[in-house]
């Protein structure tokens, strides 16, 4: 299992977080091929999630409830 670090320094399971992620956002990141690591993908996903939904991705919140 791959681990990533949130913006608050918490270490979380990458695959578990991506399980609740928006498929369309993930697919667009994959299609662009601009992330080399799970950490880069996660960080980019969080930015895009904020842009689309106007809120932080739940696993990336300081006290996320997921």
C-alpha atoms as a PDB file:
ATOM      1  CA  UNK A   1       0.000   0.000   0.000  1.00  0.00           C
ATOM      2  CA  UNK A   2       1.299   3.382  -0.987  1.00  0.00           C
ATOM      3  CA  UNK A   3       1.200   6.184   1.543  1.00  0.00           C
ATOM      4  CA  UNK A   4       0.978   9.923   0.853  1.00  0.00           C
ATOM      5  CA  UNK A   5       1.246  12.963   3.080  1.00  0.00           C
ATOM      6  CA  UNK A   6      -1.637  15.442   3.341  1.00  0.00           C
ATOM      7  CA  UNK A   7      -1.174  19.192   3.398  1.00  0.00           C
ATOM      8  CA  UNK A   8      -1.228  18.934   7.212  1.00  0.00           C
ATOM      9  CA  UNK A   9       1.501  16.290   7.338  1.00  0.00           C
ATOM     10  CA  UNK A  10      -0.774  13.361   8.118  1.00  0.00           C
ATOM     11  CA  UNK A  11       0.208  10.103   6.386  1.00  0.00           C
ATOM     12  CA  UNK A  12      -2.728   8.358   4.700  1.00  0.00           C
ATOM     13  CA  UNK A  13      -3.283   5.382   2.418  1.00  0.00           C
ATOM     14  CA  UNK A  14      -3.224   6.607  -1.184  1.00  0.00           C
ATOM     15  CA  UNK A  15      -5.469   3.875  -2.583  1.00  0.00           C
ATOM     16  CA  UNK A  16      -8.105   4.352   0.124  1.00  0.00           C
ATOM     17  CA  UNK A  17      -8.200   8.086  -0.581  1.00  0.00           C
ATOM     18  CA  UNK A  18      -8.472   7.534  -4.324  1.00  0.00           C
ATOM     19  CA  UNK A  19     -11.312   5.096  -3.766  1.00  0.00           C
ATOM     20  CA  UNK A  20     -13.544   8.059  -2.840  1.00  0.00           C
ATOM     21  CA  UNK A  21     -12.068  10.447  -5.412  1.00  0.00           C
ATOM     22  CA  UNK A  22     -13.945  11.790  -8.427  1.00  0.00           C
ATOM     23  CA  UNK A  23     -13.331   9.499 -11.417  1.00  0.00           C
ATOM     24  CA  UNK A  24     -13.467  12.294 -13.984  1.00  0.00           C
ATOM     25  CA  UNK A  25     -10.805  14.314 -12.169  1.00  0.00           C
ATOM     26  CA  UNK A  26      -8.566  11.265 -11.800  1.00  0.00           C
ATOM     27  CA  UNK A  27      -8.971  10.349 -15.464  1.00  0.00           C
ATOM     28  CA  UNK A  28      -8.058  13.859 -16.589  1.00  0.00           C
ATOM     29  CA  UNK A  29      -4.860  13.766 -14.516  1.00  0.00           C
ATOM     30  CA  UNK A  30      -3.952  10.328 -15.896  1.00  0.00           C
ATOM     31  CA  UNK A  31      -4.660  11.490 -19.458  1.00  0.00           C
ATOM     32  CA  UNK A  32      -2.324  14.458 -19.047  1.00  0.00           C
ATOM     33  CA  UNK A  33       0.442  12.203 -17.733  1.00  0.00           C
ATOM     34  CA  UNK A  34       1.881  14.935 -15.549  1.00  0.00           C
ATOM     35  CA  UNK A  35       2.321  13.104 -12.246  1.00  0.00           C
ATOM     36  CA  UNK A  36       5.244  10.734 -11.685  1.00  0.00           C
ATOM     37  CA  UNK A  37       4.529   9.643  -8.117  1.00  0.00           C
ATOM     38  CA  UNK A  38       1.500   8.896  -5.998  1.00  0.00           C
ATOM     39  CA  UNK A  39       2.330  11.978  -3.913  1.00  0.00           C
ATOM     40  CA  UNK A  40       2.364  14.230  -6.996  1.00  0.00           C
ATOM     41  CA  UNK A  41      -0.885  12.703  -8.216  1.00  0.00           C
ATOM     42  CA  UNK A  42      -2.510  13.172  -4.819  1.00  0.00           C
ATOM     43  CA  UNK A  43      -1.439  16.799  -4.530  1.00  0.00           C
ATOM     44  CA  UNK A  44      -2.641  17.607  -8.040  1.00  0.00           C
ATOM     45  CA  UNK A  45      -5.904  15.787  -7.398  1.00  0.00           C
ATOM     46  CA  UNK A  46      -6.476  17.891  -4.256  1.00  0.00           C
ATOM     47  CA  UNK A  47      -5.974  21.117  -6.218  1.00  0.00           C
ATOM     48  CA  UNK A  48      -8.367  20.016  -8.955  1.00  0.00           C
ATOM     49  CA  UNK A  49     -10.921  18.792  -6.416  1.00  0.00           C
ATOM     50  CA  UNK A  50     -10.867  22.239  -4.775  1.00  0.00           C
ATOM     51  CA  UNK A  51     -11.342  23.877  -8.195  1.00  0.00           C
ATOM     52  CA  UNK A  52     -14.310  21.672  -9.113  1.00  0.00           C
ATOM     53  CA  UNK A  53     -16.108  21.405  -5.769  1.00  0.00           C
ATOM     54  CA  UNK A  54     -15.005  24.571  -3.994  1.00  0.00           C
ATOM     55  CA  UNK A  55     -13.931  22.537  -0.966  1.00  0.00           C
ATOM     56  CA  UNK A  56     -10.911  20.536   0.132  1.00  0.00           C
ATOM     57  CA  UNK A  57     -10.796  16.822  -0.686  1.00  0.00           C
ATOM     58  CA  UNK A  58     -12.031  15.134   2.495  1.00  0.00           C
ATOM     59  CA  UNK A  59      -8.890  13.038   3.166  1.00  0.00           C
ATOM     60  CA  UNK A  60      -6.780  16.202   2.800  1.00  0.00           C
ATOM     61  CA  UNK A  61      -8.703  18.162   5.435  1.00  0.00           C
ATOM     62  CA  UNK A  62      -7.082  18.677   8.808  1.00  0.00           C
ATOM     63  CA  UNK A  63      -9.833  16.622  10.490  1.00  0.00           C
ATOM     64  CA  UNK A  64     -11.353  14.909   7.453  1.00  0.00           C
ATOM     65  CA  UNK A  65     -14.211  12.495   8.056  1.00  0.00           C
ATOM     66  CA  UNK A  66     -13.875   9.728   5.525  1.00  0.00           C
END
